[in-house]
Amino acid sequence: MNKYEAMVIVKPDLSDEDKKTLFKQIDDAVTKNGGAITQSGVWAERRKLYFPIKKFMEGIYYLAAFSAPSEAVKEVRNIYKLNENILRVLFTRMDA
């Protein structure tokens, strides 16, 4: 099991209820693929982007730290790509 961080940029115009649902989906995607969330939460609320992503100039940054097998990251990335409320994702492998 490797340790990873996922920085997810989410659409800024979501309601509070939609944000809670989306953040739960982000965490559930990791756990359903054999991973374990160690820490997750909103890193920055409505932060300005340097360039537009899908016509949005702001985004909500959500950071999730987790441990998972390396093949699970590919599956999680595919799940995130299918979600229309997620603008961009960056996975980083953390060295132990």
PDB file of N, CA and C in Angstrom:
ATOM      1  N   MET A   1       0.838  -1.190   0.000  1.00  0.00           N
ATOM      2  CA  MET A   1       0.000   0.000   0.000  1.00  0.00           C
ATOM      3  C   MET A   1       0.879   1.248   0.000  1.00  0.00           C
ATOM      4  N   ASN A   2       0.625   2.122  -0.927  1.00  0.00           N
ATOM      5  CA  ASN A   2       1.347   3.374  -1.022  1.00  0.00           C
ATOM      6  C   ASN A   2       0.488   4.505  -0.465  1.00  0.00           C
ATOM      7  N   LYS A   3       1.144   5.588  -0.074  1.00  0.00           N
ATOM      8  CA  LYS A   3       0.421   6.754   0.433  1.00  0.00           C
ATOM      9  C   LYS A   3       0.316   7.783  -0.688  1.00  0.00           C
ATOM     10  N   TYR A   4      -0.868   8.373  -0.821  1.00  0.00           N
ATOM     11  CA  TYR A   4      -1.134   9.343  -1.872  1.00  0.00           C
ATOM     12  C   TYR A   4      -1.882  10.535  -1.308  1.00  0.00           C
ATOM     13  N   GLU A   5      -1.833  11.640  -2.067  1.00  0.00           N
ATOM     14  CA  GLU A   5      -2.690  12.790  -1.842  1.00  0.00           C
ATOM     15  C   GLU A   5      -3.394  13.094  -3.153  1.00  0.00           C
ATOM     16  N   ALA A   6      -4.651  13.418  -3.066  1.00  0.00           N
ATOM     17  CA  ALA A   6      -5.419  13.826  -4.238  1.00  0.00           C
ATOM     18  C   ALA A   6      -5.935  15.236  -4.005  1.00  0.00           C
ATOM     19  N   MET A   7      -5.547  16.147  -4.882  1.00  0.00           N
ATOM     20  CA  MET A   7      -6.065  17.512  -4.843  1.00  0.00           C
ATOM     21  C   MET A   7      -7.123  17.603  -5.931  1.00  0.00           C
ATOM     22  N   VAL A   8      -8.350  17.856  -5.516  1.00  0.00           N
ATOM     23  CA  VAL A   8      -9.484  17.865  -6.435  1.00  0.00           C
ATOM     24  C   VAL A   8     -10.037  19.284  -6.509  1.00  0.00           C
ATOM     25  N   ILE A   9     -10.174  19.800  -7.729  1.00  0.00           N
ATOM     26  CA  ILE A   9     -10.797  21.106  -7.924  1.00  0.00           C
ATOM     27  C   ILE A   9     -12.245  20.858  -8.345  1.00  0.00           C
ATOM     28  N   VAL A  10     -13.160  21.456  -7.585  1.00  0.00           N
ATOM     29  CA  VAL A  10     -14.590  21.218  -7.744  1.00  0.00           C
ATOM     30  C   VAL A  10     -15.252  22.501  -8.242  1.00  0.00           C
ATOM     31  N   LYS A  11     -16.364  22.358  -8.953  1.00  0.00           N
ATOM     32  CA  LYS A  11     -17.125  23.519  -9.418  1.00  0.00           C
ATOM     33  C   LYS A  11     -17.506  24.414  -8.232  1.00  0.00           C
ATOM     34  N   PRO A  12     -17.367  25.729  -8.382  1.00  0.00           N
ATOM     35  CA  PRO A  12     -17.641  26.628  -7.253  1.00  0.00           C
ATOM     36  C   PRO A  12     -19.117  26.928  -7.038  1.00  0.00           C
ATOM     37  N   ASP A  13     -19.974  26.615  -7.990  1.00  0.00           N
ATOM     38  CA  ASP A  13     -21.376  27.012  -7.893  1.00  0.00           C
ATOM     39  C   ASP A  13     -22.289  25.923  -7.322  1.00  0.00           C
ATOM     40  N   LEU A  14     -21.716  24.928  -6.649  1.00  0.00           N
ATOM     41  CA  LEU A  14     -22.521  23.858  -6.051  1.00  0.00           C
ATOM     42  C   LEU A  14     -23.163  24.325  -4.742  1.00  0.00           C
ATOM     43  N   SER A  15     -24.341  23.799  -4.458  1.00  0.00           N
ATOM     44  CA  SER A  15     -24.982  24.106  -3.183  1.00  0.00           C
ATOM     45  C   SER A  15     -24.258  23.348  -2.070  1.00  0.00           C
ATOM     46  N   ASP A  16     -24.531  23.715  -0.834  1.00  0.00           N
ATOM     47  CA  ASP A  16     -23.878  23.058   0.301  1.00  0.00           C
ATOM     48  C   ASP A  16     -24.192  21.565   0.332  1.00  0.00           C
ATOM     49  N   GLU A  17     -25.431  21.213   0.037  1.00  0.00           N
ATOM     50  CA  GLU A  17     -25.833  19.805   0.035  1.00  0.00           C
ATOM     51  C   GLU A  17     -25.107  19.035  -1.074  1.00  0.00           C
ATOM     52  N   ASP A  18     -24.988  19.655  -2.257  1.00  0.00           N
ATOM     53  CA  ASP A  18     -24.278  19.009  -3.365  1.00  0.00           C
ATOM     54  C   ASP A  18     -22.797  18.837  -3.053  1.00  0.00           C
ATOM     55  N   LYS A  19     -22.212  19.835  -2.366  1.00  0.00           N
ATOM     56  CA  LYS A  19     -20.797  19.727  -1.989  1.00  0.00           C
ATOM     57  C   LYS A  19     -20.579  18.568  -1.024  1.00  0.00           C
ATOM     58  N   LYS A  20     -21.449  18.437  -0.019  1.00  0.00           N
ATOM     59  CA  LYS A  20     -21.310  17.340   0.936  1.00  0.00           C
ATOM     60  C   LYS A  20     -21.419  15.997   0.231  1.00  0.00           C
ATOM     61  N   THR A  21     -22.361  15.877  -0.684  1.00  0.00           N
ATOM     62  CA  THR A  21     -22.540  14.634  -1.436  1.00  0.00           C
ATOM     63  C   THR A  21     -21.317  14.335  -2.294  1.00  0.00           C
ATOM     64  N   LEU A  22     -20.799  15.357  -2.963  1.00  0.00           N
ATOM     65  CA  LEU A  22     -19.632  15.166  -3.823  1.00  0.00           C
ATOM     66  C   LEU A  22     -18.403  14.779  -3.012  1.00  0.00           C
ATOM     67  N   PHE A  23     -18.175  15.430  -1.881  1.00  0.00           N
ATOM     68  CA  PHE A  23     -17.013  15.097  -1.054  1.00  0.00           C
ATOM     69  C   PHE A  23     -17.110  13.672  -0.533  1.00  0.00           C
ATOM     70  N   LYS A  24     -18.322  13.219  -0.226  1.00  0.00           N
ATOM     71  CA  LYS A  24     -18.507  11.837   0.200  1.00  0.00           C
ATOM     72  C   LYS A  24     -18.209  10.875  -0.958  1.00  0.00           C
ATOM     73  N   GLN A  25     -18.620  11.239  -2.167  1.00  0.00           N
ATOM     74  CA  GLN A  25     -18.339  10.409  -3.345  1.00  0.00           C
ATOM     75  C   GLN A  25     -16.840  10.328  -3.613  1.00  0.00           C
ATOM     76  N   ILE A  26     -16.134  11.432  -3.407  1.00  0.00           N
ATOM     77  CA  ILE A  26     -14.684  11.443  -3.613  1.00  0.00           C
ATOM     78  C   ILE A  26     -14.015  10.471  -2.649  1.00  0.00           C
ATOM     79  N   ASP A  27     -14.415  10.510  -1.379  1.00  0.00           N
ATOM     80  CA  ASP A  27     -13.843   9.597  -0.383  1.00  0.00           C
ATOM     81  C   ASP A  27     -14.268   8.153  -0.628  1.00  0.00           C
ATOM     82  N   ASP A  28     -15.529   7.943  -1.014  1.00  0.00           N
ATOM     83  CA  ASP A  28     -16.026   6.583  -1.244  1.00  0.00           C
ATOM     84  C   ASP A  28     -15.337   5.905  -2.421  1.00  0.00           C
ATOM     85  N   ALA A  29     -14.937   6.675  -3.434  1.00  0.00           N
ATOM     86  CA  ALA A  29     -14.254   6.089  -4.585  1.00  0.00           C
ATOM     87  C   ALA A  29     -12.944   5.434  -4.164  1.00  0.00           C
ATOM     88  N   VAL A  30     -12.268   6.019  -3.200  1.00  0.00           N
ATOM     89  CA  VAL A  30     -11.006   5.461  -2.710  1.00  0.00           C
ATOM     90  C   VAL A  30     -11.265   4.193  -1.900  1.00  0.00           C
ATOM     91  N   THR A  31     -12.223   4.246  -0.986  1.00  0.00           N
ATOM     92  CA  THR A  31     -12.476   3.094  -0.116  1.00  0.00           C
ATOM     93  C   THR A  31     -13.045   1.905  -0.887  1.00  0.00           C
ATOM     94  N   LYS A  32     -13.828   2.155  -1.932  1.00  0.00           N
ATOM     95  CA  LYS A  32     -14.393   1.060  -2.728  1.00  0.00           C
ATOM     96  C   LYS A  32     -13.337   0.341  -3.560  1.00  0.00           C
ATOM     97  N   ASN A  33     -12.204   0.977  -3.776  1.00  0.00           N
ATOM     98  CA  ASN A  33     -11.123   0.368  -4.550  1.00  0.00           C
ATOM     99  C   ASN A  33      -9.989  -0.127  -3.661  1.00  0.00           C
ATOM    100  N   GLY A  34     -10.274  -0.403  -2.408  1.00  0.00           N
ATOM    101  CA  GLY A  34      -9.290  -1.005  -1.517  1.00  0.00           C
ATOM    102  C   GLY A  34      -8.390  -0.032  -0.792  1.00  0.00           C
ATOM    103  N   GLY A  35      -8.706   1.244  -0.835  1.00  0.00           N
ATOM    104  CA  GLY A  35      -7.897   2.241  -0.150  1.00  0.00           C
ATOM    105  C   GLY A  35      -8.507   2.642   1.172  1.00  0.00           C
ATOM    106  N   ALA A  36      -7.764   3.445   1.915  1.00  0.00           N
ATOM    107  CA  ALA A  36      -8.230   3.940   3.205  1.00  0.00           C
ATOM    108  C   ALA A  36      -7.901   5.427   3.312  1.00  0.00           C
ATOM    109  N   ILE A  37      -8.922   6.241   3.537  1.00  0.00           N
ATOM    110  CA  ILE A  37      -8.737   7.687   3.695  1.00  0.00           C
ATOM    111  C   ILE A  37      -8.126   7.951   5.068  1.00  0.00           C
ATOM    112  N   THR A  38      -7.018   8.688   5.100  1.00  0.00           N
ATOM    113  CA  THR A  38      -6.416   9.045   6.378  1.00  0.00           C
ATOM    114  C   THR A  38      -6.821  10.452   6.810  1.00  0.00           C
ATOM    115  N   GLN A  39      -7.033  11.336   5.831  1.00  0.00           N
ATOM    116  CA  GLN A  39      -7.432  12.708   6.141  1.00  0.00           C
ATOM    117  C   GLN A  39      -8.045  13.316   4.886  1.00  0.00           C
ATOM    118  N   SER A  40      -9.125  14.076   5.056  1.00  0.00           N
ATOM    119  CA  SER A  40      -9.723  14.746   3.904  1.00  0.00           C
ATOM    120  C   SER A  40     -10.486  15.972   4.378  1.00  0.00           C
ATOM    121  N   GLY A  41     -10.591  16.948   3.488  1.00  0.00           N
ATOM    122  CA  GLY A  41     -11.327  18.158   3.818  1.00  0.00           C
ATOM    123  C   GLY A  41     -11.109  19.240   2.781  1.00  0.00           C
ATOM    124  N   VAL A  42     -11.861  20.314   2.918  1.00  0.00           N
ATOM    125  CA  VAL A  42     -11.735  21.446   2.000  1.00  0.00           C
ATOM    126  C   VAL A  42     -10.439  22.171   2.300  1.00  0.00           C
ATOM    127  N   TRP A  43      -9.602  22.341   1.283  1.00  0.00           N
ATOM    128  CA  TRP A  43      -8.314  23.007   1.447  1.00  0.00           C
ATOM    129  C   TRP A  43      -8.468  24.508   1.240  1.00  0.00           C
ATOM    130  N   ALA A  44      -9.291  24.895   0.241  1.00  0.00           N
ATOM    131  CA  ALA A  44      -9.534  26.314  -0.022  1.00  0.00           C
ATOM    132  C   ALA A  44     -10.930  26.482  -0.612  1.00  0.00           C
ATOM    133  N   GLU A  45     -11.664  27.405  -0.084  1.00  0.00           N
ATOM    134  CA  GLU A  45     -13.031  27.672  -0.542  1.00  0.00           C
ATOM    135  C   GLU A  45     -13.002  28.779  -1.589  1.00  0.00           C
ATOM    136  N   ARG A  46     -13.510  28.497  -2.787  1.00  0.00           N
ATOM    137  CA  ARG A  46     -13.630  29.464  -3.890  1.00  0.00           C
ATOM    138  C   ARG A  46     -12.325  30.216  -4.155  1.00  0.00           C
ATOM    139  N   ARG A  47     -11.348  29.498  -4.612  1.00  0.00           N
ATOM    140  CA  ARG A  47     -10.060  30.093  -4.937  1.00  0.00           C
ATOM    141  C   ARG A  47     -10.009  30.425  -6.424  1.00  0.00           C
ATOM    142  N   LYS A  48      -9.424  31.559  -6.761  1.00  0.00           N
ATOM    143  CA  LYS A  48      -9.322  31.995  -8.154  1.00  0.00           C
ATOM    144  C   LYS A  48      -8.310  31.123  -8.892  1.00  0.00           C
ATOM    145  N   LEU A  49      -8.678  30.712 -10.113  1.00  0.00           N
ATOM    146  CA  LEU A  49      -7.802  29.906 -10.953  1.00  0.00           C
ATOM    147  C   LEU A  49      -6.974  30.826 -11.850  1.00  0.00           C
ATOM    148  N   TYR A  50      -5.805  30.366 -12.257  1.00  0.00           N
ATOM    149  CA  TYR A  50      -4.948  31.173 -13.128  1.00  0.00           C
ATOM    150  C   TYR A  50      -5.432  31.174 -14.567  1.00  0.00           C
ATOM    151  N   PHE A  51      -6.165  30.156 -14.950  1.00  0.00           N
ATOM    152  CA  PHE A  51      -6.736  30.075 -16.283  1.00  0.00           C
ATOM    153  C   PHE A  51      -8.072  29.338 -16.175  1.00  0.00           C
ATOM    154  N   PRO A  52      -8.984  29.580 -17.103  1.00  0.00           N
ATOM    155  CA  PRO A  52     -10.297  28.939 -16.988  1.00  0.00           C
ATOM    156  C   PRO A  52     -10.214  27.428 -17.209  1.00  0.00           C
ATOM    157  N   ILE A  53     -10.944  26.698 -16.396  1.00  0.00           N
ATOM    158  CA  ILE A  53     -11.092  25.257 -16.557  1.00  0.00           C
ATOM    159  C   ILE A  53     -12.580  25.003 -16.756  1.00  0.00           C
ATOM    160  N   LYS A  54     -12.946  24.504 -17.916  1.00  0.00           N
ATOM    161  CA  LYS A  54     -14.356  24.260 -18.273  1.00  0.00           C
ATOM    162  C   LYS A  54     -15.195  25.511 -18.038  1.00  0.00           C
ATOM    163  N   LYS A  55     -14.646  26.653 -18.420  1.00  0.00           N
ATOM    164  CA  LYS A  55     -15.290  27.972 -18.355  1.00  0.00           C
ATOM    165  C   LYS A  55     -15.481  28.506 -16.932  1.00  0.00           C
ATOM    166  N   PHE A  56     -14.814  27.929 -15.955  1.00  0.00           N
ATOM    167  CA  PHE A  56     -14.871  28.422 -14.576  1.00  0.00           C
ATOM    168  C   PHE A  56     -13.566  29.134 -14.252  1.00  0.00           C
ATOM    169  N   MET A  57     -13.671  30.295 -13.590  1.00  0.00           N
ATOM    170  CA  MET A  57     -12.485  31.049 -13.174  1.00  0.00           C
ATOM    171  C   MET A  57     -12.198  30.881 -11.687  1.00  0.00           C
ATOM    172  N   GLU A  58     -13.048  30.154 -10.968  1.00  0.00           N
ATOM    173  CA  GLU A  58     -12.848  29.853  -9.549  1.00  0.00           C
ATOM    174  C   GLU A  58     -13.109  28.375  -9.330  1.00  0.00           C
ATOM    175  N   GLY A  59     -12.589  27.865  -8.224  1.00  0.00           N
ATOM    176  CA  GLY A  59     -12.839  26.477  -7.883  1.00  0.00           C
ATOM    177  C   GLY A  59     -12.685  26.249  -6.392  1.00  0.00           C
ATOM    178  N   ILE A  60     -13.296  25.182  -5.920  1.00  0.00           N
ATOM    179  CA  ILE A  60     -13.160  24.759  -4.529  1.00  0.00           C
ATOM    180  C   ILE A  60     -12.122  23.643  -4.510  1.00  0.00           C
ATOM    181  N   TYR A  61     -11.098  23.798  -3.690  1.00  0.00           N
ATOM    182  CA  TYR A  61     -10.022  22.808  -3.606  1.00  0.00           C
ATOM    183  C   TYR A  61     -10.308  21.849  -2.456  1.00  0.00           C
ATOM    184  N   TYR A  62     -10.319  20.545  -2.763  1.00  0.00           N
ATOM    185  CA  TYR A  62     -10.565  19.501  -1.768  1.00  0.00           C
ATOM    186  C   TYR A  62      -9.344  18.589  -1.741  1.00  0.00           C
ATOM    187  N   LEU A  63      -8.771  18.398  -0.566  1.00  0.00           N
ATOM    188  CA  LEU A  63      -7.559  17.587  -0.423  1.00  0.00           C
ATOM    189  C   LEU A  63      -7.892  16.312   0.340  1.00  0.00           C
ATOM    190  N   ALA A  64      -7.494  15.177  -0.235  1.00  0.00           N
ATOM    191  CA  ALA A  64      -7.723  13.880   0.409  1.00  0.00           C
ATOM    192  C   ALA A  64      -6.399  13.124   0.470  1.00  0.00           C
ATOM    193  N   ALA A  65      -5.990  12.725   1.668  1.00  0.00           N
ATOM    194  CA  ALA A  65      -4.800  11.894   1.862  1.00  0.00           C
ATOM    195  C   ALA A  65      -5.285  10.473   2.110  1.00  0.00           C
ATOM    196  N   PHE A  66      -4.665   9.509   1.412  1.00  0.00           N
ATOM    197  CA  PHE A  66      -5.125   8.130   1.547  1.00  0.00           C
ATOM    198  C   PHE A  66      -3.998   7.163   1.249  1.00  0.00           C
ATOM    199  N   SER A  67      -4.197   5.922   1.650  1.00  0.00           N
ATOM    200  CA  SER A  67      -3.277   4.852   1.290  1.00  0.00           C
ATOM    201  C   SER A  67      -4.064   3.841   0.466  1.00  0.00           C
ATOM    202  N   ALA A  68      -3.429   3.356  -0.597  1.00  0.00           N
ATOM    203  CA  ALA A  68      -4.108   2.445  -1.512  1.00  0.00           C
ATOM    204  C   ALA A  68      -3.072   1.702  -2.345  1.00  0.00           C
ATOM    205  N   PRO A  69      -3.451   0.551  -2.916  1.00  0.00           N
ATOM    206  CA  PRO A  69      -2.568  -0.121  -3.859  1.00  0.00           C
ATOM    207  C   PRO A  69      -2.397   0.747  -5.109  1.00  0.00           C
ATOM    208  N   SER A  70      -1.290   0.606  -5.786  1.00  0.00           N
ATOM    209  CA  SER A  70      -1.001   1.469  -6.935  1.00  0.00           C
ATOM    210  C   SER A  70      -2.021   1.311  -8.063  1.00  0.00           C
ATOM    211  N   GLU A  71      -2.551   0.103  -8.264  1.00  0.00           N
ATOM    212  CA  GLU A  71      -3.530  -0.090  -9.344  1.00  0.00           C
ATOM    213  C   GLU A  71      -4.872   0.565  -9.018  1.00  0.00           C
ATOM    214  N   ALA A  72      -5.139   0.836  -7.747  1.00  0.00           N
ATOM    215  CA  ALA A  72      -6.399   1.474  -7.355  1.00  0.00           C
ATOM    216  C   ALA A  72      -6.438   2.937  -7.784  1.00  0.00           C
ATOM    217  N   VAL A  73      -5.290   3.583  -7.888  1.00  0.00           N
ATOM    218  CA  VAL A  73      -5.255   4.998  -8.252  1.00  0.00           C
ATOM    219  C   VAL A  73      -5.795   5.198  -9.665  1.00  0.00           C
ATOM    220  N   LYS A  74      -5.495   4.285 -10.565  1.00  0.00           N
ATOM    221  CA  LYS A  74      -5.993   4.374 -11.933  1.00  0.00           C
ATOM    222  C   LYS A  74      -7.523   4.278 -11.954  1.00  0.00           C
ATOM    223  N   GLU A  75      -8.070   3.383 -11.153  1.00  0.00           N
ATOM    224  CA  GLU A  75      -9.526   3.232 -11.076  1.00  0.00           C
ATOM    225  C   GLU A  75     -10.176   4.472 -10.475  1.00  0.00           C
ATOM    226  N   VAL A  76      -9.571   5.003  -9.425  1.00  0.00           N
ATOM    227  CA  VAL A  76     -10.111   6.204  -8.777  1.00  0.00           C
ATOM    228  C   VAL A  76     -10.074   7.379  -9.749  1.00  0.00           C
ATOM    229  N   ARG A  77      -8.998   7.510 -10.507  1.00  0.00           N
ATOM    230  CA  ARG A  77      -8.882   8.592 -11.496  1.00  0.00           C
ATOM    231  C   ARG A  77     -10.005   8.493 -12.533  1.00  0.00           C
ATOM    232  N   ASN A  78     -10.306   7.277 -12.988  1.00  0.00           N
ATOM    233  CA  ASN A  78     -11.374   7.088 -13.966  1.00  0.00           C
ATOM    234  C   ASN A  78     -12.738   7.463 -13.379  1.00  0.00           C
ATOM    235  N   ILE A  79     -12.970   7.135 -12.129  1.00  0.00           N
ATOM    236  CA  ILE A  79     -14.230   7.495 -11.470  1.00  0.00           C
ATOM    237  C   ILE A  79     -14.357   9.010 -11.377  1.00  0.00           C
ATOM    238  N   TYR A  80     -13.265   9.685 -11.035  1.00  0.00           N
ATOM    239  CA  TYR A  80     -13.289  11.149 -10.925  1.00  0.00           C
ATOM    240  C   TYR A  80     -13.530  11.800 -12.286  1.00  0.00           C
ATOM    241  N   LYS A  81     -12.976  11.230 -13.357  1.00  0.00           N
ATOM    242  CA  LYS A  81     -13.165  11.795 -14.695  1.00  0.00           C
ATOM    243  C   LYS A  81     -14.626  11.753 -15.124  1.00  0.00           C
ATOM    244  N   LEU A  82     -15.369  10.761 -14.662  1.00  0.00           N
ATOM    245  CA  LEU A  82     -16.773  10.626 -15.042  1.00  0.00           C
ATOM    246  C   LEU A  82     -17.693  11.588 -14.297  1.00  0.00           C
ATOM    247  N   ASN A  83     -17.211  12.184 -13.216  1.00  0.00           N
ATOM    248  CA  ASN A  83     -18.032  13.089 -12.418  1.00  0.00           C
ATOM    249  C   ASN A  83     -17.960  14.495 -13.022  1.00  0.00           C
ATOM    250  N   GLU A  84     -19.101  15.030 -13.417  1.00  0.00           N
ATOM    251  CA  GLU A  84     -19.138  16.330 -14.085  1.00  0.00           C
ATOM    252  C   GLU A  84     -18.882  17.505 -13.147  1.00  0.00           C
ATOM    253  N   ASN A  85     -18.965  17.296 -11.828  1.00  0.00           N
ATOM    254  CA  ASN A  85     -18.723  18.368 -10.865  1.00  0.00           C
ATOM    255  C   ASN A  85     -17.251  18.538 -10.521  1.00  0.00           C
ATOM    256  N   ILE A  86     -16.407  17.612 -10.960  1.00  0.00           N
ATOM    257  CA  ILE A  86     -14.966  17.686 -10.709  1.00  0.00           C
ATOM    258  C   ILE A  86     -14.300  18.299 -11.936  1.00  0.00           C
ATOM    259  N   LEU A  87     -13.597  19.410 -11.722  1.00  0.00           N
ATOM    260  CA  LEU A  87     -12.932  20.098 -12.820  1.00  0.00           C
ATOM    261  C   LEU A  87     -11.556  19.520 -13.129  1.00  0.00           C
ATOM    262  N   ARG A  88     -10.771  19.224 -12.087  1.00  0.00           N
ATOM    263  CA  ARG A  88      -9.399  18.758 -12.276  1.00  0.00           C
ATOM    264  C   ARG A  88      -8.958  17.981 -11.060  1.00  0.00           C
ATOM    265  N   VAL A  89      -8.068  16.984 -11.258  1.00  0.00           N
ATOM    266  CA  VAL A  89      -7.551  16.161 -10.152  1.00  0.00           C
ATOM    267  C   VAL A  89      -6.047  16.007 -10.339  1.00  0.00           C
ATOM    268  N   LEU A  90      -5.334  16.081  -9.228  1.00  0.00           N
ATOM    269  CA  LEU A  90      -3.886  15.812  -9.229  1.00  0.00           C
ATOM    270  C   LEU A  90      -3.594  14.802  -8.121  1.00  0.00           C
ATOM    271  N   PHE A  91      -3.004  13.675  -8.508  1.00  0.00           N
ATOM    272  CA  PHE A  91      -2.580  12.663  -7.541  1.00  0.00           C
ATOM    273  C   PHE A  91      -1.086  12.804  -7.300  1.00  0.00           C
ATOM    274  N   THR A  92      -0.673  12.742  -6.054  1.00  0.00           N
ATOM    275  CA  THR A  92       0.728  12.809  -5.679  1.00  0.00           C
ATOM    276  C   THR A  92       1.043  11.636  -4.769  1.00  0.00           C
ATOM    277  N   ARG A  93       2.108  10.907  -5.105  1.00  0.00           N
ATOM    278  CA  ARG A  93       2.538   9.805  -4.239  1.00  0.00           C
ATOM    279  C   ARG A  93       3.452  10.362  -3.160  1.00  0.00           C
ATOM    280  N   MET A  94       3.151  10.048  -1.921  1.00  0.00           N
ATOM    281  CA  MET A  94       3.926  10.549  -0.799  1.00  0.00           C
ATOM    282  C   MET A  94       4.982   9.509  -0.423  1.00  0.00           C
ATOM    283  N   ASP A  95       6.215   9.949  -0.242  1.00  0.00           N
ATOM    284  CA  ASP A  95       7.281   9.045   0.177  1.00  0.00           C
ATOM    285  C   ASP A  95       7.192   8.825   1.673  1.00  0.00           C
ATOM    286  N   ALA A  96       7.433   7.608   2.052  1.00  0.00           N
ATOM    287  CA  ALA A  96       7.341   7.252   3.482  1.00  0.00           C
ATOM    288  C   ALA A  96       8.568   7.671   4.257  1.00  0.00           C
TER     289      ALA A  96
END
